[in-house]
């Protein structure tokens, strides 16, 4: 029967999650130095249309949250489907070292995301052409603002974050913080001391699995 992959974790501890997508039973097995979580899917076509996939995503991320409450998972993209449980090990084998190394690096940590939205950027009319000089000027200003906010975030949370990463997306900027579980409350408290930054709205979400800090094939779901 086809299987839907959820994540890999360290071999221990084992997390018992009752059901996953479509109320299917969650299974786990240790192999190749990691533990993989999956469920059997009787009808993979249920994941074919947008509405069904949206519902499946909620159930998928519920499973990840339950596992994250106990240990640190590296999620697969949704949907990652295999023909049967028998091909789990051959599927993982080519990048088994990447999974093991990544799990060691993010062990005991979770990911938080900070979304930065600049009010004037949201009002920019992209259909209006600008000169090359004006474009470069705006770009330098944008980079400067991002750097200023990032510097403030790093400064106030310096002793609570293992690693920062960031990326620009659709006139917004996203920062990702890899935070030890034991430092979650201190991390959130430290952000409150940063104060407001003019012209930008920051929104914190998490904790999430640390997808931005790993890059094995099929991960970052």
N, C-alpha and C. Protein backbone atom coordinates (compact mmCIF):
# COMPACT_ATOMS: atom_id res chain seq x y z
N UNK A 1 0.84 -1.19 0.00
CA UNK A 1 0.00 0.00 0.00
C UNK A 1 0.88 1.25 0.00
N UNK A 2 0.52 2.30 -0.72
CA UNK A 2 1.31 3.54 -0.74
C UNK A 2 1.43 4.13 0.66
N UNK A 3 2.56 4.80 0.90
CA UNK A 3 2.78 5.42 2.20
C UNK A 3 3.10 6.90 2.02
N UNK A 4 2.69 7.68 3.01
CA UNK A 4 2.97 9.12 3.07
C UNK A 4 4.02 9.35 4.14
N UNK A 5 5.13 9.98 3.77
CA UNK A 5 6.20 10.26 4.73
C UNK A 5 5.93 11.58 5.46
N UNK A 6 6.23 11.60 6.76
CA UNK A 6 6.08 12.80 7.57
C UNK A 6 7.44 13.42 7.90
N UNK A 7 8.32 12.64 8.50
CA UNK A 7 9.58 13.21 8.95
C UNK A 7 10.55 12.13 9.36
N UNK A 8 11.78 12.54 9.61
CA UNK A 8 12.77 11.70 10.29
C UNK A 8 13.20 12.41 11.56
N UNK A 9 13.59 11.61 12.55
CA UNK A 9 14.07 12.13 13.82
C UNK A 9 15.26 11.28 14.27
N UNK A 10 15.86 11.66 15.40
CA UNK A 10 16.81 10.78 16.04
C UNK A 10 16.10 9.47 16.38
N UNK A 11 16.84 8.34 16.47
CA UNK A 11 16.18 7.07 16.76
C UNK A 11 15.36 7.07 18.04
N UNK A 12 15.83 7.79 19.04
CA UNK A 12 15.11 7.88 20.32
C UNK A 12 15.05 9.33 20.76
N UNK A 13 13.97 9.71 21.46
CA UNK A 13 12.86 8.87 21.92
C UNK A 13 11.85 8.58 20.80
N UNK A 14 11.04 7.56 21.01
CA UNK A 14 9.97 7.24 20.08
C UNK A 14 8.74 8.05 20.47
N UNK A 15 8.13 8.71 19.50
CA UNK A 15 6.93 9.52 19.76
C UNK A 15 5.72 8.76 19.25
N UNK A 16 4.74 8.57 20.11
CA UNK A 16 3.53 7.85 19.72
C UNK A 16 2.45 8.85 19.31
N UNK A 17 2.18 8.89 18.01
CA UNK A 17 1.11 9.72 17.46
C UNK A 17 0.06 8.76 16.91
N UNK A 18 -1.17 8.94 17.31
CA UNK A 18 -2.20 7.95 16.98
C UNK A 18 -2.54 7.94 15.49
N UNK A 19 -2.95 9.10 14.96
CA UNK A 19 -3.41 9.13 13.58
C UNK A 19 -2.83 10.33 12.84
N UNK A 20 -2.81 10.23 11.51
CA UNK A 20 -2.30 11.30 10.68
C UNK A 20 -3.29 11.70 9.62
N UNK A 21 -2.81 11.94 8.41
CA UNK A 21 -3.66 12.35 7.29
C UNK A 21 -4.71 11.28 7.02
N UNK A 22 -5.95 11.71 6.83
CA UNK A 22 -7.09 10.81 6.57
C UNK A 22 -7.28 9.81 7.70
N UNK A 23 -6.93 10.20 8.91
CA UNK A 23 -7.09 9.34 10.10
C UNK A 23 -6.31 8.04 10.00
N UNK A 24 -5.28 8.01 9.17
CA UNK A 24 -4.47 6.81 9.02
C UNK A 24 -3.54 6.64 10.22
N UNK A 25 -3.28 5.40 10.59
CA UNK A 25 -2.39 5.10 11.71
C UNK A 25 -0.96 5.54 11.40
N UNK A 26 -0.31 6.17 12.36
CA UNK A 26 1.08 6.58 12.21
C UNK A 26 2.00 5.44 12.62
N UNK A 27 2.95 5.12 11.76
CA UNK A 27 3.95 4.10 12.04
C UNK A 27 5.32 4.77 12.12
N UNK A 28 6.23 4.13 12.84
CA UNK A 28 7.62 4.60 12.84
C UNK A 28 8.54 3.40 12.90
N UNK A 29 9.74 3.59 12.36
CA UNK A 29 10.73 2.51 12.36
C UNK A 29 12.12 3.12 12.35
N UNK A 30 13.02 2.51 13.10
CA UNK A 30 14.40 2.93 13.07
C UNK A 30 15.13 2.25 11.93
N UNK A 31 15.83 3.04 11.13
CA UNK A 31 16.62 2.49 10.04
C UNK A 31 17.71 3.48 9.66
N UNK A 32 18.85 2.98 9.28
CA UNK A 32 19.96 3.80 8.79
C UNK A 32 20.37 4.90 9.77
N UNK A 33 20.17 4.64 11.06
CA UNK A 33 20.59 5.60 12.07
C UNK A 33 19.61 6.71 12.35
N UNK A 34 18.39 6.64 11.78
CA UNK A 34 17.35 7.63 12.05
C UNK A 34 16.04 6.89 12.30
N UNK A 35 15.03 7.60 12.72
CA UNK A 35 13.68 7.05 12.84
C UNK A 35 12.79 7.77 11.83
N UNK A 36 12.05 7.02 11.05
CA UNK A 36 11.17 7.60 10.04
C UNK A 36 9.72 7.36 10.43
N UNK A 37 8.89 8.38 10.22
CA UNK A 37 7.46 8.33 10.54
C UNK A 37 6.66 8.39 9.24
N UNK A 38 5.65 7.51 9.14
CA UNK A 38 4.83 7.47 7.92
C UNK A 38 3.44 6.91 8.24
N UNK A 39 2.53 7.03 7.31
CA UNK A 39 1.23 6.37 7.40
C UNK A 39 0.88 5.80 6.04
N UNK A 40 0.10 4.73 6.04
CA UNK A 40 -0.35 4.13 4.80
C UNK A 40 -1.58 4.88 4.29
N UNK A 41 -1.59 5.15 3.00
CA UNK A 41 -2.67 5.92 2.38
C UNK A 41 -3.40 5.02 1.38
N UNK A 42 -4.64 4.68 1.68
CA UNK A 42 -5.37 3.77 0.81
C UNK A 42 -5.63 4.38 -0.57
N UNK A 43 -5.93 5.67 -0.58
CA UNK A 43 -6.26 6.32 -1.85
C UNK A 43 -5.44 7.60 -2.01
N UNK A 44 -4.26 7.51 -2.64
CA UNK A 44 -3.41 8.70 -2.82
C UNK A 44 -4.07 9.81 -3.63
N UNK A 45 -5.10 9.48 -4.39
CA UNK A 45 -5.78 10.50 -5.18
C UNK A 45 -6.46 11.53 -4.30
N UNK A 46 -6.66 11.18 -3.02
CA UNK A 46 -7.24 12.15 -2.10
C UNK A 46 -6.34 13.36 -1.89
N UNK A 47 -5.05 13.20 -2.26
CA UNK A 47 -4.10 14.31 -2.11
C UNK A 47 -3.88 15.04 -3.42
N UNK A 48 -4.68 14.72 -4.43
CA UNK A 48 -4.43 15.24 -5.78
C UNK A 48 -5.00 16.64 -5.99
N UNK A 49 -6.14 16.97 -5.38
CA UNK A 49 -6.74 18.28 -5.63
C UNK A 49 -6.41 19.25 -4.51
N UNK A 50 -6.54 20.52 -4.82
CA UNK A 50 -6.10 21.58 -3.92
C UNK A 50 -6.85 21.56 -2.59
N UNK A 51 -8.14 21.35 -2.61
CA UNK A 51 -8.94 21.37 -1.38
C UNK A 51 -8.55 20.23 -0.45
N UNK A 52 -8.37 19.03 -1.02
CA UNK A 52 -7.99 17.88 -0.21
C UNK A 52 -6.59 18.06 0.35
N UNK A 53 -5.71 18.63 -0.47
CA UNK A 53 -4.34 18.85 -0.02
C UNK A 53 -4.29 19.86 1.12
N UNK A 54 -5.17 20.85 1.07
CA UNK A 54 -5.23 21.85 2.13
C UNK A 54 -5.62 21.20 3.45
N UNK A 55 -6.62 20.33 3.41
CA UNK A 55 -7.04 19.61 4.62
C UNK A 55 -5.92 18.69 5.10
N UNK A 56 -5.28 18.00 4.15
CA UNK A 56 -4.19 17.10 4.51
C UNK A 56 -3.05 17.85 5.17
N UNK A 57 -2.79 19.09 4.72
CA UNK A 57 -1.69 19.88 5.28
C UNK A 57 -1.93 20.17 6.76
N UNK A 58 -3.18 20.44 7.13
CA UNK A 58 -3.49 20.69 8.54
C UNK A 58 -3.21 19.46 9.39
N UNK A 59 -3.61 18.29 8.88
CA UNK A 59 -3.39 17.05 9.61
C UNK A 59 -1.90 16.70 9.65
N UNK A 60 -1.21 16.95 8.54
CA UNK A 60 0.22 16.69 8.44
C UNK A 60 1.00 17.51 9.47
N UNK A 61 0.68 18.80 9.55
CA UNK A 61 1.41 19.67 10.48
C UNK A 61 1.01 19.41 11.93
N UNK A 62 -0.19 18.89 12.15
CA UNK A 62 -0.55 18.47 13.52
C UNK A 62 0.36 17.34 13.98
N UNK A 63 0.62 16.38 13.10
CA UNK A 63 1.52 15.29 13.43
C UNK A 63 2.91 15.83 13.75
N UNK A 64 3.41 16.76 12.92
CA UNK A 64 4.73 17.33 13.16
C UNK A 64 4.78 18.06 14.50
N UNK A 65 3.71 18.78 14.85
CA UNK A 65 3.70 19.50 16.13
C UNK A 65 3.76 18.53 17.31
N UNK A 66 3.05 17.41 17.19
CA UNK A 66 3.07 16.42 18.27
C UNK A 66 4.47 15.82 18.43
N UNK A 67 5.12 15.56 17.32
CA UNK A 67 6.48 15.03 17.39
C UNK A 67 7.44 16.08 17.90
N UNK A 68 7.27 17.34 17.44
CA UNK A 68 8.15 18.43 17.86
C UNK A 68 8.06 18.68 19.36
N UNK A 69 6.93 18.36 19.96
CA UNK A 69 6.78 18.57 21.41
C UNK A 69 7.71 17.65 22.20
N UNK A 70 8.21 16.59 21.55
CA UNK A 70 9.04 15.60 22.23
C UNK A 70 10.48 15.60 21.71
N UNK A 71 10.63 15.67 20.38
CA UNK A 71 11.94 15.62 19.77
C UNK A 71 11.95 16.48 18.51
N UNK A 72 13.12 16.66 17.91
CA UNK A 72 13.22 17.56 16.76
C UNK A 72 13.11 16.79 15.45
N UNK A 73 12.06 17.05 14.65
CA UNK A 73 11.90 16.34 13.38
C UNK A 73 12.43 17.15 12.20
N UNK A 74 12.85 16.43 11.17
CA UNK A 74 13.11 17.03 9.86
C UNK A 74 11.98 16.58 8.95
N UNK A 75 11.09 17.48 8.55
CA UNK A 75 9.91 17.07 7.78
C UNK A 75 10.21 16.86 6.30
N UNK A 76 9.39 16.03 5.68
CA UNK A 76 9.40 15.86 4.24
C UNK A 76 8.42 16.84 3.62
N UNK A 77 8.61 17.10 2.34
CA UNK A 77 7.62 17.90 1.62
C UNK A 77 6.29 17.15 1.58
N UNK A 78 5.21 17.90 1.59
CA UNK A 78 3.88 17.31 1.47
C UNK A 78 3.35 17.50 0.05
N UNK A 79 2.93 16.42 -0.65
CA UNK A 79 3.01 15.03 -0.19
C UNK A 79 4.26 14.34 -0.74
N UNK A 80 4.95 13.57 0.11
CA UNK A 80 6.02 12.68 -0.33
C UNK A 80 5.48 11.26 -0.21
N UNK A 81 5.18 10.65 -1.34
CA UNK A 81 4.53 9.34 -1.39
C UNK A 81 5.49 8.30 -1.94
N UNK A 82 5.48 7.12 -1.33
CA UNK A 82 6.25 5.98 -1.81
C UNK A 82 5.31 4.82 -2.09
N UNK A 83 5.80 3.87 -2.86
CA UNK A 83 4.94 2.77 -3.28
C UNK A 83 4.52 1.88 -2.13
N UNK A 84 5.41 1.66 -1.16
CA UNK A 84 5.11 0.76 -0.04
C UNK A 84 6.15 0.96 1.05
N UNK A 85 5.89 0.44 2.27
CA UNK A 85 6.89 0.55 3.33
C UNK A 85 8.21 -0.13 2.99
N UNK A 86 8.19 -1.08 2.08
CA UNK A 86 9.40 -1.81 1.73
C UNK A 86 10.45 -0.93 1.05
N UNK A 87 10.04 0.19 0.49
CA UNK A 87 11.00 1.05 -0.21
C UNK A 87 11.46 2.23 0.64
N UNK A 88 11.07 2.24 1.92
CA UNK A 88 11.50 3.33 2.80
C UNK A 88 13.02 3.41 2.90
N UNK A 89 13.64 2.29 3.19
CA UNK A 89 15.10 2.31 3.37
C UNK A 89 15.83 2.66 2.08
N UNK A 90 15.47 2.07 0.92
CA UNK A 90 16.13 2.50 -0.32
C UNK A 90 15.94 3.98 -0.63
N UNK A 91 14.80 4.54 -0.22
CA UNK A 91 14.53 5.96 -0.46
C UNK A 91 15.45 6.84 0.39
N UNK A 92 15.69 6.43 1.64
CA UNK A 92 16.50 7.22 2.55
C UNK A 92 18.00 7.01 2.35
N UNK A 93 18.37 5.85 1.85
CA UNK A 93 19.78 5.45 1.81
C UNK A 93 20.70 6.44 1.11
N UNK A 94 20.33 7.01 -0.07
CA UNK A 94 21.28 7.88 -0.78
C UNK A 94 21.74 9.09 0.03
N UNK A 95 20.90 9.57 0.96
CA UNK A 95 21.28 10.77 1.73
C UNK A 95 21.24 10.50 3.23
N UNK A 96 21.49 9.27 3.60
CA UNK A 96 21.41 8.92 5.01
C UNK A 96 22.38 9.73 5.86
N UNK A 97 23.58 10.00 5.33
CA UNK A 97 24.54 10.78 6.11
C UNK A 97 24.08 12.22 6.30
N UNK A 98 23.43 12.79 5.27
CA UNK A 98 22.91 14.15 5.40
C UNK A 98 21.84 14.23 6.47
N UNK A 99 20.96 13.23 6.51
CA UNK A 99 19.92 13.22 7.54
C UNK A 99 20.53 13.10 8.93
N UNK A 100 21.46 12.18 9.08
CA UNK A 100 22.05 11.98 10.40
C UNK A 100 22.81 13.23 10.86
N UNK A 101 23.60 13.80 9.95
CA UNK A 101 24.36 15.01 10.31
C UNK A 101 23.43 16.16 10.66
N UNK A 102 22.37 16.33 9.87
CA UNK A 102 21.43 17.43 10.12
C UNK A 102 20.72 17.25 11.46
N UNK A 103 20.35 16.00 11.78
CA UNK A 103 19.67 15.76 13.05
C UNK A 103 20.57 16.04 14.23
N UNK A 104 21.86 15.76 14.11
CA UNK A 104 22.80 16.08 15.18
C UNK A 104 22.91 17.60 15.33
N UNK A 105 22.94 18.31 14.19
CA UNK A 105 23.14 19.77 14.22
C UNK A 105 21.94 20.49 14.83
N UNK A 106 20.71 20.01 14.56
CA UNK A 106 19.52 20.71 15.06
C UNK A 106 18.94 20.03 16.30
N UNK A 107 19.62 19.03 16.82
CA UNK A 107 19.10 18.29 17.96
C UNK A 107 18.80 19.22 19.13
N UNK A 108 17.63 19.02 19.71
CA UNK A 108 17.26 19.81 20.88
C UNK A 108 16.86 21.24 20.58
N UNK A 109 16.58 21.54 19.31
CA UNK A 109 16.24 22.92 18.93
C UNK A 109 14.94 22.97 18.14
N UNK A 110 14.37 24.15 18.09
CA UNK A 110 13.16 24.41 17.30
C UNK A 110 13.39 25.66 16.47
N UNK A 111 12.50 25.89 15.54
CA UNK A 111 12.63 27.06 14.65
C UNK A 111 11.51 28.06 14.92
N UNK A 112 11.90 29.33 14.99
CA UNK A 112 10.93 30.42 15.02
C UNK A 112 11.10 31.25 13.75
N UNK A 113 10.01 31.84 13.31
CA UNK A 113 10.04 32.68 12.11
C UNK A 113 9.57 34.09 12.46
N UNK A 114 10.29 35.08 11.96
CA UNK A 114 9.89 36.47 12.13
C UNK A 114 9.68 37.06 10.74
N UNK A 115 8.47 37.50 10.48
CA UNK A 115 8.11 38.08 9.19
C UNK A 115 8.13 39.60 9.30
N UNK A 116 8.90 40.23 8.42
CA UNK A 116 8.97 41.68 8.40
C UNK A 116 8.27 42.25 7.18
N UNK A 117 7.32 43.17 7.41
CA UNK A 117 6.56 43.79 6.33
C UNK A 117 6.71 45.30 6.43
N UNK A 118 7.22 45.93 5.36
CA UNK A 118 7.39 47.37 5.32
C UNK A 118 6.19 48.02 4.65
N UNK A 119 5.57 48.98 5.33
CA UNK A 119 4.35 49.60 4.84
C UNK A 119 4.53 50.24 3.48
N UNK A 120 5.62 50.98 3.28
CA UNK A 120 5.80 51.67 2.00
C UNK A 120 6.07 50.70 0.87
N UNK A 121 6.69 49.55 1.17
CA UNK A 121 6.93 48.55 0.14
C UNK A 121 5.61 47.96 -0.35
N UNK A 122 4.67 47.78 0.56
CA UNK A 122 3.38 47.22 0.16
C UNK A 122 2.60 48.17 -0.74
N UNK A 123 2.92 49.46 -0.66
CA UNK A 123 2.20 50.45 -1.47
C UNK A 123 2.89 50.75 -2.79
N UNK A 124 4.07 50.16 -3.02
CA UNK A 124 4.81 50.42 -4.24
C UNK A 124 4.08 49.85 -5.45
N UNK A 125 3.97 50.64 -6.49
CA UNK A 125 3.33 50.20 -7.74
C UNK A 125 4.40 49.57 -8.63
N UNK A 126 4.39 48.24 -8.70
CA UNK A 126 5.40 47.55 -9.49
C UNK A 126 5.20 47.72 -10.99
N UNK A 127 4.02 48.18 -11.39
CA UNK A 127 3.75 48.36 -12.82
C UNK A 127 4.36 49.65 -13.36
N UNK A 128 4.74 50.55 -12.46
CA UNK A 128 5.33 51.81 -12.89
C UNK A 128 6.83 51.65 -13.08
N UNK A 129 7.35 51.87 -14.28
CA UNK A 129 8.78 51.68 -14.52
C UNK A 129 9.61 52.74 -13.80
N UNK A 130 10.82 52.34 -13.37
CA UNK A 130 11.74 53.26 -12.72
C UNK A 130 13.09 53.14 -13.41
N UNK A 131 13.89 54.19 -13.29
CA UNK A 131 15.21 54.17 -13.89
C UNK A 131 16.13 53.21 -13.13
N UNK A 132 17.22 52.81 -13.78
CA UNK A 132 18.18 51.95 -13.12
C UNK A 132 18.75 52.58 -11.87
N UNK A 133 18.97 53.88 -11.93
CA UNK A 133 19.53 54.59 -10.77
C UNK A 133 18.55 54.57 -9.61
N UNK A 134 17.27 54.81 -9.93
CA UNK A 134 16.25 54.81 -8.88
C UNK A 134 16.08 53.42 -8.29
N UNK A 135 16.15 52.42 -9.15
CA UNK A 135 16.03 51.03 -8.66
C UNK A 135 17.15 50.71 -7.68
N UNK A 136 18.39 51.07 -8.04
CA UNK A 136 19.52 50.79 -7.17
C UNK A 136 19.40 51.54 -5.85
N UNK A 137 18.89 52.77 -5.93
CA UNK A 137 18.70 53.55 -4.71
C UNK A 137 17.70 52.87 -3.78
N UNK A 138 16.57 52.43 -4.35
CA UNK A 138 15.56 51.75 -3.54
C UNK A 138 16.10 50.44 -2.98
N UNK A 139 16.88 49.75 -3.80
CA UNK A 139 17.43 48.48 -3.36
C UNK A 139 18.39 48.67 -2.19
N UNK A 140 19.22 49.69 -2.27
CA UNK A 140 20.16 49.97 -1.18
C UNK A 140 19.42 50.34 0.10
N UNK A 141 18.35 51.12 -0.06
CA UNK A 141 17.55 51.49 1.10
C UNK A 141 16.92 50.25 1.75
N UNK A 142 16.39 49.37 0.89
CA UNK A 142 15.75 48.16 1.40
C UNK A 142 16.75 47.28 2.14
N UNK A 143 17.93 47.11 1.55
CA UNK A 143 18.96 46.29 2.18
C UNK A 143 19.39 46.89 3.51
N UNK A 144 19.47 48.23 3.54
CA UNK A 144 19.85 48.90 4.78
C UNK A 144 18.84 48.69 5.88
N UNK A 145 17.55 48.76 5.53
CA UNK A 145 16.51 48.57 6.53
C UNK A 145 16.51 47.14 7.05
N UNK A 146 16.69 46.18 6.14
CA UNK A 146 16.74 44.78 6.54
C UNK A 146 17.91 44.54 7.48
N UNK A 147 19.07 45.10 7.13
CA UNK A 147 20.26 44.93 7.95
C UNK A 147 20.06 45.54 9.34
N UNK A 148 19.38 46.68 9.40
CA UNK A 148 19.17 47.34 10.69
C UNK A 148 18.28 46.50 11.60
N UNK A 149 17.19 45.97 11.03
CA UNK A 149 16.28 45.13 11.82
C UNK A 149 16.99 43.85 12.23
N UNK A 150 17.71 43.24 11.31
CA UNK A 150 18.41 42.00 11.62
C UNK A 150 19.45 42.22 12.72
N UNK A 151 20.16 43.33 12.64
CA UNK A 151 21.15 43.63 13.66
C UNK A 151 20.52 43.75 15.04
N UNK A 152 19.35 44.39 15.08
CA UNK A 152 18.66 44.54 16.36
C UNK A 152 18.20 43.19 16.90
N UNK A 153 17.65 42.35 16.03
CA UNK A 153 17.17 41.03 16.45
C UNK A 153 18.33 40.18 16.98
N UNK A 154 19.43 40.20 16.26
CA UNK A 154 20.59 39.42 16.69
C UNK A 154 21.15 39.91 18.03
N UNK A 155 21.15 41.22 18.20
CA UNK A 155 21.73 41.79 19.41
C UNK A 155 20.94 41.42 20.65
N UNK A 156 19.62 41.56 20.59
CA UNK A 156 18.82 41.33 21.80
C UNK A 156 18.69 39.85 22.14
N UNK A 157 18.89 38.98 21.13
CA UNK A 157 18.68 37.54 21.36
C UNK A 157 19.98 36.75 21.25
N UNK A 158 21.11 37.41 21.35
CA UNK A 158 22.40 36.80 21.04
C UNK A 158 22.66 35.51 21.78
N UNK A 159 22.30 35.45 23.07
CA UNK A 159 22.65 34.26 23.86
C UNK A 159 21.53 33.23 23.90
N UNK A 160 20.51 33.38 23.05
CA UNK A 160 19.40 32.42 23.03
C UNK A 160 19.21 31.76 21.67
N UNK A 161 20.03 32.10 20.68
CA UNK A 161 19.85 31.59 19.32
C UNK A 161 21.13 30.89 18.87
N UNK A 162 20.99 29.69 18.34
CA UNK A 162 22.15 28.97 17.79
C UNK A 162 22.56 29.53 16.44
N UNK A 163 21.55 29.84 15.62
CA UNK A 163 21.85 30.26 14.25
C UNK A 163 20.67 31.05 13.69
N UNK A 164 21.00 32.07 12.87
CA UNK A 164 19.99 32.86 12.15
C UNK A 164 20.10 32.59 10.65
N UNK A 165 18.99 32.60 9.98
CA UNK A 165 18.97 32.61 8.52
C UNK A 165 17.85 33.54 8.07
N UNK A 166 17.97 34.06 6.85
CA UNK A 166 16.93 34.97 6.36
C UNK A 166 16.81 34.89 4.86
N UNK A 167 15.64 35.30 4.35
CA UNK A 167 15.45 35.37 2.90
C UNK A 167 14.34 36.35 2.59
N UNK A 168 14.47 36.96 1.41
CA UNK A 168 13.49 37.93 0.93
C UNK A 168 12.43 37.20 0.12
N UNK A 169 11.19 37.64 0.27
CA UNK A 169 10.10 37.00 -0.46
C UNK A 169 8.96 37.99 -0.66
N UNK A 170 8.71 38.34 -1.92
CA UNK A 170 7.56 39.20 -2.26
C UNK A 170 7.49 40.48 -1.42
N UNK A 171 8.59 41.25 -1.47
CA UNK A 171 8.66 42.53 -0.76
C UNK A 171 8.54 42.40 0.76
N UNK A 172 8.73 41.17 1.24
CA UNK A 172 8.76 40.91 2.67
C UNK A 172 10.11 40.26 2.99
N UNK A 173 10.45 40.23 4.25
CA UNK A 173 11.68 39.54 4.64
C UNK A 173 11.35 38.59 5.78
N UNK A 174 11.91 37.40 5.69
CA UNK A 174 11.69 36.38 6.71
C UNK A 174 13.02 36.04 7.38
N UNK A 175 13.00 36.06 8.70
CA UNK A 175 14.15 35.63 9.48
C UNK A 175 13.78 34.34 10.20
N UNK A 176 14.73 33.42 10.26
CA UNK A 176 14.51 32.14 10.93
C UNK A 176 15.56 31.97 12.01
N UNK A 177 15.10 31.63 13.20
CA UNK A 177 16.00 31.47 14.35
C UNK A 177 15.96 30.03 14.82
N UNK A 178 17.14 29.43 14.96
CA UNK A 178 17.26 28.09 15.51
C UNK A 178 17.51 28.24 17.01
N UNK A 179 16.51 27.86 17.80
CA UNK A 179 16.51 28.16 19.24
C UNK A 179 16.49 26.86 20.06
N UNK A 180 17.42 26.69 20.99
CA UNK A 180 17.37 25.52 21.88
C UNK A 180 16.03 25.49 22.63
N UNK A 181 15.49 24.31 22.83
CA UNK A 181 14.21 24.19 23.54
C UNK A 181 14.24 24.89 24.89
N UNK A 182 15.37 24.77 25.58
CA UNK A 182 15.47 25.34 26.92
C UNK A 182 15.47 26.87 26.91
N UNK A 183 15.68 27.47 25.71
CA UNK A 183 15.78 28.93 25.62
C UNK A 183 14.56 29.58 24.99
N UNK A 184 13.51 28.80 24.77
CA UNK A 184 12.35 29.35 24.04
C UNK A 184 11.74 30.56 24.75
N UNK A 185 11.51 30.46 26.03
CA UNK A 185 10.88 31.58 26.75
C UNK A 185 11.80 32.78 26.79
N UNK A 186 13.09 32.55 27.02
CA UNK A 186 14.04 33.66 27.04
C UNK A 186 14.15 34.32 25.67
N UNK A 187 14.08 33.52 24.61
CA UNK A 187 14.15 34.08 23.26
C UNK A 187 12.97 35.01 23.01
N UNK A 188 11.78 34.55 23.31
CA UNK A 188 10.59 35.38 23.09
C UNK A 188 10.64 36.64 23.95
N UNK A 189 11.08 36.49 25.19
CA UNK A 189 11.18 37.65 26.07
C UNK A 189 12.21 38.64 25.55
N UNK A 190 13.30 38.14 24.99
CA UNK A 190 14.35 39.04 24.48
C UNK A 190 13.84 39.87 23.30
N UNK A 191 12.99 39.28 22.47
CA UNK A 191 12.46 40.03 21.33
C UNK A 191 11.60 41.21 21.78
N UNK A 192 10.93 41.04 22.92
CA UNK A 192 10.08 42.12 23.42
C UNK A 192 10.91 43.33 23.84
N UNK A 193 12.20 43.12 24.12
CA UNK A 193 13.04 44.24 24.53
C UNK A 193 13.59 45.02 23.34
N UNK A 194 13.37 44.51 22.14
CA UNK A 194 13.94 45.15 20.95
C UNK A 194 13.28 46.49 20.64
N UNK A 195 12.02 46.65 21.03
CA UNK A 195 11.31 47.88 20.71
C UNK A 195 10.87 47.90 19.26
N UNK A 196 10.05 48.88 18.93
CA UNK A 196 9.52 48.98 17.57
C UNK A 196 10.56 49.54 16.62
N UNK A 197 10.45 49.13 15.35
CA UNK A 197 11.30 49.69 14.28
C UNK A 197 10.39 50.46 13.34
N UNK A 198 10.75 51.69 13.05
CA UNK A 198 9.89 52.58 12.28
C UNK A 198 9.61 52.01 10.88
N UNK A 199 8.33 51.99 10.54
CA UNK A 199 7.92 51.63 9.19
C UNK A 199 7.83 50.15 8.91
N UNK A 200 8.12 49.30 9.89
CA UNK A 200 8.08 47.87 9.66
C UNK A 200 7.23 47.18 10.73
N UNK A 201 6.48 46.20 10.30
CA UNK A 201 5.70 45.39 11.23
C UNK A 201 6.31 44.00 11.28
N UNK A 202 6.63 43.54 12.48
CA UNK A 202 7.25 42.23 12.67
C UNK A 202 6.25 41.27 13.30
N UNK A 203 6.20 40.06 12.76
CA UNK A 203 5.28 39.06 13.28
C UNK A 203 6.03 37.77 13.56
N UNK A 204 5.93 37.29 14.80
CA UNK A 204 6.62 36.08 15.23
C UNK A 204 5.68 34.89 15.16
N UNK A 205 6.18 33.75 14.67
CA UNK A 205 5.41 32.51 14.70
C UNK A 205 6.33 31.35 15.06
N UNK A 206 5.75 30.29 15.58
CA UNK A 206 6.51 29.12 15.97
C UNK A 206 6.12 28.68 17.37
N UNK A 207 6.74 27.62 17.86
CA UNK A 207 7.88 26.92 17.25
C UNK A 207 7.48 25.99 16.11
N UNK A 208 8.42 25.79 15.18
CA UNK A 208 8.24 24.91 14.03
C UNK A 208 9.41 23.94 13.96
N UNK A 209 9.26 22.86 13.20
CA UNK A 209 10.44 22.04 12.89
C UNK A 209 11.48 22.89 12.16
N UNK A 210 12.76 22.64 12.36
CA UNK A 210 13.82 23.52 11.81
C UNK A 210 14.11 23.26 10.33
N UNK A 211 13.09 23.38 9.49
CA UNK A 211 13.23 23.07 8.06
C UNK A 211 14.23 23.95 7.36
N UNK A 212 14.34 25.21 7.76
CA UNK A 212 15.23 26.15 7.07
C UNK A 212 16.70 25.88 7.36
N UNK A 213 16.98 25.01 8.30
CA UNK A 213 18.36 24.78 8.70
C UNK A 213 18.88 23.42 8.25
N UNK A 214 18.12 22.76 7.40
CA UNK A 214 18.54 21.47 6.84
C UNK A 214 18.22 21.47 5.35
N UNK A 215 18.89 20.58 4.63
CA UNK A 215 18.64 20.56 3.20
C UNK A 215 18.74 19.18 2.56
N UNK A 216 18.32 18.09 3.26
CA UNK A 216 18.31 16.81 2.58
C UNK A 216 17.24 16.75 1.50
N UNK A 217 17.38 15.81 0.58
CA UNK A 217 16.41 15.65 -0.51
C UNK A 217 15.03 15.38 0.08
N UNK A 218 14.04 16.13 -0.42
CA UNK A 218 12.67 15.90 0.00
C UNK A 218 12.29 16.57 1.30
N UNK A 219 13.25 17.19 1.98
CA UNK A 219 12.93 17.83 3.24
C UNK A 219 12.42 19.24 3.01
N UNK A 220 12.20 19.97 4.13
CA UNK A 220 11.64 21.33 4.13
C UNK A 220 10.22 21.32 3.64
N UNK A 221 9.40 20.55 4.34
CA UNK A 221 8.01 20.48 3.98
C UNK A 221 7.18 21.57 4.61
